[in-house]
Amino acid sequence: MPGWVIMSHMGLFYVGCKVINPRTAKSVVVRKVMVDTGAESTWIDSAMLAKAEIEPRKKDLQFQMANGQIITRSVGYAVLKVDEAETVDEVVFAQKGDLQLLGARALEGLNLKVDSRRKKLVAAGPIVAASAVPPRFGKLIRVPLQQPKRRRKPANKGSRKVRETGKGGA
């Protein structure tokens, strides 16, 4: 069931995760997914992804394992839900012998972070966003929506005379 926390002896921990097909809304519950902030991607057993009718969209992508080995796997798209948080992310089709992992990209999308002391996921807080204009001395500077139109300077009368005299030859 999503939200379950299963602890291990090595400081790692696991959570439950619901995996949803974004096209059909068909879903499966993965009861034990290791939280791994060192892994970029989320890895889910390919048989579980097949049950949710999630199809590979990218094939033969290369991944470097922690031991340095390079392997290839397929990747598909899924909605991942942990407790009340959800996100859309790429999921790697894990094969026999691969761990099921909840990776850093999914954690960021879920807006969750690891509380290493309590060994659980917690809300990451407000999502950081860039503002259009940085505040100065506590006041926000207003930015005009349109660029001001530039006025053309009137032609200098003296320059006309130079052109006129230059044409006719002096």
C-alpha atoms as a PDB file:
ATOM      1  CA  MET A   1       0.000   0.000   0.000  1.00  0.00           C
ATOM      2  CA  PRO A   2       1.377   3.472  -0.848  1.00  0.00           C
ATOM      3  CA  GLY A   3       2.693   5.297   2.170  1.00  0.00           C
ATOM      4  CA  TRP A   4       4.035   2.231   3.962  1.00  0.00           C
ATOM      5  CA  VAL A   5       7.560   2.709   5.187  1.00  0.00           C
ATOM      6  CA  ILE A   6       9.744  -0.368   5.494  1.00  0.00           C
ATOM      7  CA  MET A   7      13.132   0.161   7.106  1.00  0.00           C
ATOM      8  CA  SER A   8      16.307  -1.801   6.579  1.00  0.00           C
ATOM      9  CA  HIS A   9      19.424  -2.286   8.674  1.00  0.00           C
ATOM     10  CA  MET A  10      21.788  -0.228   6.498  1.00  0.00           C
ATOM     11  CA  GLY A  11      20.163   3.203   6.759  1.00  0.00           C
ATOM     12  CA  LEU A  12      18.214   2.697   3.559  1.00  0.00           C
ATOM     13  CA  PHE A  13      14.452   2.709   3.556  1.00  0.00           C
ATOM     14  CA  TYR A  14      11.590   1.757   1.299  1.00  0.00           C
ATOM     15  CA  VAL A  15       8.177   3.239   0.547  1.00  0.00           C
ATOM     16  CA  GLY A  16       5.076   2.092  -1.244  1.00  0.00           C
ATOM     17  CA  CYS A  17       4.342   3.664  -4.607  1.00  0.00           C
ATOM     18  CA  LYS A  18       1.336   3.614  -6.906  1.00  0.00           C
ATOM     19  CA  VAL A  19       2.297   3.533 -10.595  1.00  0.00           C
ATOM     20  CA  ILE A  20      -0.393   4.829 -12.964  1.00  0.00           C
ATOM     21  CA  ASN A  21      -0.557   4.680 -16.753  1.00  0.00           C
ATOM     22  CA  PRO A  22      -1.111   8.317 -17.819  1.00  0.00           C
ATOM     23  CA  ARG A  23      -3.113   7.246 -20.915  1.00  0.00           C
ATOM     24  CA  THR A  24      -5.468   4.652 -19.454  1.00  0.00           C
ATOM     25  CA  ALA A  25      -5.356   5.373 -15.690  1.00  0.00           C
ATOM     26  CA  LYS A  26      -4.682   1.645 -15.126  1.00  0.00           C
ATOM     27  CA  SER A  27      -2.483   1.275 -12.063  1.00  0.00           C
ATOM     28  CA  VAL A  28      -0.444  -1.084  -9.911  1.00  0.00           C
ATOM     29  CA  VAL A  29       0.831  -0.734  -6.369  1.00  0.00           C
ATOM     30  CA  VAL A  30       4.488  -1.443  -5.760  1.00  0.00           C
ATOM     31  CA  ARG A  31       4.753  -2.195  -2.054  1.00  0.00           C
ATOM     32  CA  LYS A  32       8.517  -1.876  -1.710  1.00  0.00           C
ATOM     33  CA  VAL A  33      10.549   0.714  -3.634  1.00  0.00           C
ATOM     34  CA  MET A  34      13.953   1.742  -2.278  1.00  0.00           C
ATOM     35  CA  VAL A  35      14.378   5.501  -1.902  1.00  0.00           C
ATOM     36  CA  ASP A  36      17.682   6.302  -3.624  1.00  0.00           C
ATOM     37  CA  THR A  37      18.720   9.942  -3.922  1.00  0.00           C
ATOM     38  CA  GLY A  38      21.888   8.786  -5.676  1.00  0.00           C
ATOM     39  CA  ALA A  39      19.891   7.350  -8.582  1.00  0.00           C
ATOM     40  CA  GLU A  40      18.564   9.806 -11.130  1.00  0.00           C
ATOM     41  CA  SER A  41      15.823   7.545 -12.492  1.00  0.00           C
ATOM     42  CA  THR A  42      13.012   5.499 -10.991  1.00  0.00           C
ATOM     43  CA  TRP A  43      13.235   1.751 -11.656  1.00  0.00           C
ATOM     44  CA  ILE A  44      10.085  -0.395 -11.566  1.00  0.00           C
ATOM     45  CA  ASP A  45       9.848  -4.118 -12.344  1.00  0.00           C
ATOM     46  CA  SER A  46       8.940  -4.549 -16.022  1.00  0.00           C
ATOM     47  CA  ALA A  47       6.215  -7.107 -15.138  1.00  0.00           C
ATOM     48  CA  MET A  48       4.534  -4.500 -12.891  1.00  0.00           C
ATOM     49  CA  LEU A  49       4.738  -1.886 -15.644  1.00  0.00           C
ATOM     50  CA  ALA A  50       3.213  -4.403 -18.097  1.00  0.00           C
ATOM     51  CA  LYS A  51       0.282  -4.951 -15.682  1.00  0.00           C
ATOM     52  CA  ALA A  52      -0.364  -1.199 -15.794  1.00  0.00           C
ATOM     53  CA  GLU A  53      -0.047  -1.376 -19.609  1.00  0.00           C
ATOM     54  CA  ILE A  54       2.849   1.076 -19.583  1.00  0.00           C
ATOM     55  CA  GLU A  55       4.795   0.659 -22.795  1.00  0.00           C
ATOM     56  CA  PRO A  56       8.467   1.314 -23.478  1.00  0.00           C
ATOM     57  CA  ARG A  57       8.869   4.655 -25.269  1.00  0.00           C
ATOM     58  CA  LYS A  58      12.670   4.767 -25.382  1.00  0.00           C
ATOM     59  CA  LYS A  59      14.603   1.571 -25.983  1.00  0.00           C
ATOM     60  CA  ASP A  60      18.181   0.567 -25.274  1.00  0.00           C
ATOM     61  CA  LEU A  61      19.148   3.554 -23.142  1.00  0.00           C
ATOM     62  CA  GLN A  62      22.486   3.109 -21.399  1.00  0.00           C
ATOM     63  CA  PHE A  63      22.769   3.331 -17.624  1.00  0.00           C
ATOM     64  CA  GLN A  64      25.906   3.157 -15.516  1.00  0.00           C
ATOM     65  CA  MET A  65      25.453   1.089 -12.390  1.00  0.00           C
ATOM     66  CA  ALA A  66      27.084   1.900  -9.033  1.00  0.00           C
ATOM     67  CA  ASN A  67      29.769  -0.738  -9.728  1.00  0.00           C
ATOM     68  CA  GLY A  68      30.654   0.967 -13.048  1.00  0.00           C
ATOM     69  CA  GLN A  69      28.926  -1.606 -15.279  1.00  0.00           C
ATOM     70  CA  ILE A  70      27.060  -0.194 -18.303  1.00  0.00           C
ATOM     71  CA  ILE A  71      23.662  -1.797 -19.017  1.00  0.00           C
ATOM     72  CA  THR A  72      20.793  -1.005 -21.390  1.00  0.00           C
ATOM     73  CA  ARG A  73      17.137  -0.745 -20.424  1.00  0.00           C
ATOM     74  CA  SER A  74      13.889   0.587 -21.873  1.00  0.00           C
ATOM     75  CA  VAL A  75      12.067   3.591 -20.433  1.00  0.00           C
ATOM     76  CA  GLY A  76       8.387   4.558 -20.348  1.00  0.00           C
ATOM     77  CA  TYR A  77       6.219   7.274 -18.806  1.00  0.00           C
ATOM     78  CA  ALA A  78       4.129   6.914 -15.650  1.00  0.00           C
ATOM     79  CA  VAL A  79       2.368   8.873 -12.952  1.00  0.00           C
ATOM     80  CA  LEU A  80       3.986   8.051  -9.615  1.00  0.00           C
ATOM     81  CA  LYS A  81       2.047   8.522  -6.393  1.00  0.00           C
ATOM     82  CA  VAL A  82       3.514   8.303  -2.890  1.00  0.00           C
ATOM     83  CA  ASP A  83       0.987   9.076  -0.164  1.00  0.00           C
ATOM     84  CA  GLU A  84      -0.806  12.198  -1.452  1.00  0.00           C
ATOM     85  CA  ALA A  85       2.072  13.463  -3.629  1.00  0.00           C
ATOM     86  CA  GLU A  86       2.161  12.639  -7.325  1.00  0.00           C
ATOM     87  CA  THR A  87       4.236  13.419 -10.395  1.00  0.00           C
ATOM     88  CA  VAL A  88       4.773  12.295 -13.981  1.00  0.00           C
ATOM     89  CA  ASP A  89       8.191  10.824 -14.680  1.00  0.00           C
ATOM     90  CA  GLU A  90      10.154   8.429 -16.830  1.00  0.00           C
ATOM     91  CA  VAL A  91      10.395   4.931 -15.371  1.00  0.00           C
ATOM     92  CA  VAL A  92      13.053   2.382 -16.241  1.00  0.00           C
ATOM     93  CA  PHE A  93      11.825  -1.147 -17.024  1.00  0.00           C
ATOM     94  CA  ALA A  94      13.759  -3.067 -14.346  1.00  0.00           C
ATOM     95  CA  GLN A  95      14.726  -6.636 -15.194  1.00  0.00           C
ATOM     96  CA  LYS A  96      15.430  -9.649 -13.016  1.00  0.00           C
ATOM     97  CA  GLY A  97      18.205  -8.751 -10.588  1.00  0.00           C
ATOM     98  CA  ASP A  98      17.594  -4.973 -10.783  1.00  0.00           C
ATOM     99  CA  LEU A  99      16.489  -3.095  -7.685  1.00  0.00           C
ATOM    100  CA  GLN A 100      13.209  -1.172  -7.664  1.00  0.00           C
ATOM    101  CA  LEU A 101      14.196   2.434  -6.947  1.00  0.00           C
ATOM    102  CA  LEU A 102      12.501   5.769  -6.412  1.00  0.00           C
ATOM    103  CA  GLY A 103      15.074   8.148  -7.894  1.00  0.00           C
ATOM    104  CA  ALA A 104      15.996  11.781  -7.387  1.00  0.00           C
ATOM    105  CA  ARG A 105      13.976  13.130 -10.347  1.00  0.00           C
ATOM    106  CA  ALA A 106      10.783  11.544  -9.028  1.00  0.00           C
ATOM    107  CA  LEU A 107      11.478  12.856  -5.524  1.00  0.00           C
ATOM    108  CA  GLU A 108      11.884  16.357  -6.908  1.00  0.00           C
ATOM    109  CA  GLY A 109       8.677  16.067  -8.920  1.00  0.00           C
ATOM    110  CA  LEU A 110       6.835  14.716  -5.874  1.00  0.00           C
ATOM    111  CA  ASN A 111       8.248  17.680  -3.908  1.00  0.00           C
ATOM    112  CA  LEU A 112       9.487  15.275  -1.239  1.00  0.00           C
ATOM    113  CA  LYS A 113      12.836  15.084   0.501  1.00  0.00           C
ATOM    114  CA  VAL A 114      14.506  12.482   2.692  1.00  0.00           C
ATOM    115  CA  ASP A 115      14.435  12.942   6.451  1.00  0.00           C
ATOM    116  CA  SER A 116      17.524  10.813   7.127  1.00  0.00           C
ATOM    117  CA  ARG A 117      17.101  10.946  10.886  1.00  0.00           C
ATOM    118  CA  ARG A 118      13.588   9.480  10.845  1.00  0.00           C
ATOM    119  CA  LYS A 119      14.187   7.525   7.611  1.00  0.00           C
ATOM    120  CA  LYS A 120      11.118   8.752   5.797  1.00  0.00           C
ATOM    121  CA  LEU A 121       9.988  11.106   3.058  1.00  0.00           C
ATOM    122  CA  VAL A 122       8.717  14.521   4.098  1.00  0.00           C
ATOM    123  CA  ALA A 123       7.357  17.562   2.258  1.00  0.00           C
ATOM    124  CA  ALA A 124      10.169  19.583   0.699  1.00  0.00           C
ATOM    125  CA  GLY A 125       8.429  22.913   1.261  1.00  0.00           C
ATOM    126  CA  PRO A 126       7.717  25.696  -1.200  1.00  0.00           C
ATOM    127  CA  ILE A 127       8.869  25.089  -4.740  1.00  0.00           C
ATOM    128  CA  VAL A 128      11.633  27.499  -5.699  1.00  0.00           C
ATOM    129  CA  ALA A 129      10.748  29.649  -8.686  1.00  0.00           C
ATOM    130  CA  ALA A 130      12.570  32.498 -10.376  1.00  0.00           C
ATOM    131  CA  SER A 131      10.952  35.901 -10.315  1.00  0.00           C
ATOM    132  CA  ALA A 132      10.841  38.096 -13.401  1.00  0.00           C
ATOM    133  CA  VAL A 133      12.768  40.884 -11.679  1.00  0.00           C
ATOM    134  CA  PRO A 134      14.808  40.562  -8.508  1.00  0.00           C
ATOM    135  CA  PRO A 135      13.546  42.734  -5.641  1.00  0.00           C
ATOM    136  CA  ARG A 136      15.712  45.749  -4.757  1.00  0.00           C
ATOM    137  CA  PHE A 137      15.907  46.906  -1.180  1.00  0.00           C
ATOM    138  CA  GLY A 138      12.685  45.094  -0.351  1.00  0.00           C
ATOM    139  CA  LYS A 139      10.662  46.675  -3.176  1.00  0.00           C
ATOM    140  CA  LEU A 140       9.614  44.967  -6.367  1.00  0.00           C
ATOM    141  CA  ILE A 141      10.489  46.876  -9.515  1.00  0.00           C
ATOM    142  CA  ARG A 142       7.697  47.142 -12.059  1.00  0.00           C
ATOM    143  CA  VAL A 143       8.564  46.031 -15.565  1.00  0.00           C
ATOM    144  CA  PRO A 144       6.693  47.716 -18.443  1.00  0.00           C
ATOM    145  CA  LEU A 145       4.827  45.281 -20.662  1.00  0.00           C
ATOM    146  CA  GLN A 146       5.866  47.054 -23.875  1.00  0.00           C
ATOM    147  CA  GLN A 147       9.086  48.706 -24.824  1.00  0.00           C
ATOM    148  CA  PRO A 148       8.723  52.491 -25.059  1.00  0.00           C
ATOM    149  CA  LYS A 149       8.707  53.718 -28.659  1.00  0.00           C
ATOM    150  CA  ARG A 150      11.810  55.639 -29.609  1.00  0.00           C
ATOM    151  CA  ARG A 151      11.345  59.043 -31.143  1.00  0.00           C
ATOM    152  CA  ARG A 152      13.353  59.895 -34.172  1.00  0.00           C
ATOM    153  CA  LYS A 153      15.540  62.917 -33.811  1.00  0.00           C
ATOM    154  CA  PRO A 154      14.754  65.670 -36.281  1.00  0.00           C
ATOM    155  CA  ALA A 155      17.343  65.929 -39.012  1.00  0.00           C
ATOM    156  CA  ASN A 156      19.949  68.583 -38.402  1.00  0.00           C
ATOM    157  CA  LYS A 157      19.532  71.452 -40.906  1.00  0.00           C
ATOM    158  CA  GLY A 158      23.241  71.871 -41.205  1.00  0.00           C
ATOM    159  CA  SER A 159      23.693  68.312 -42.389  1.00  0.00           C
ATOM    160  CA  ARG A 160      21.213  68.886 -45.250  1.00  0.00           C
ATOM    161  CA  LYS A 161      23.269  71.718 -46.582  1.00  0.00           C
ATOM    162  CA  VAL A 162      26.364  69.595 -46.543  1.00  0.00           C
ATOM    163  CA  ARG A 163      24.572  66.899 -48.543  1.00  0.00           C
ATOM    164  CA  GLU A 164      23.191  69.420 -51.007  1.00  0.00           C
ATOM    165  CA  THR A 165      26.501  71.103 -51.559  1.00  0.00           C
ATOM    166  CA  GLY A 166      28.228  67.764 -51.745  1.00  0.00           C
ATOM    167  CA  LYS A 167      26.001  66.617 -54.650  1.00  0.00           C
ATOM    168  CA  GLY A 168      26.322  69.596 -56.885  1.00  0.00           C
ATOM    169  CA  GLY A 169      30.037  69.926 -56.556  1.00  0.00           C
ATOM    170  CA  ALA A 170      31.497  73.111 -55.149  1.00  0.00           C
END
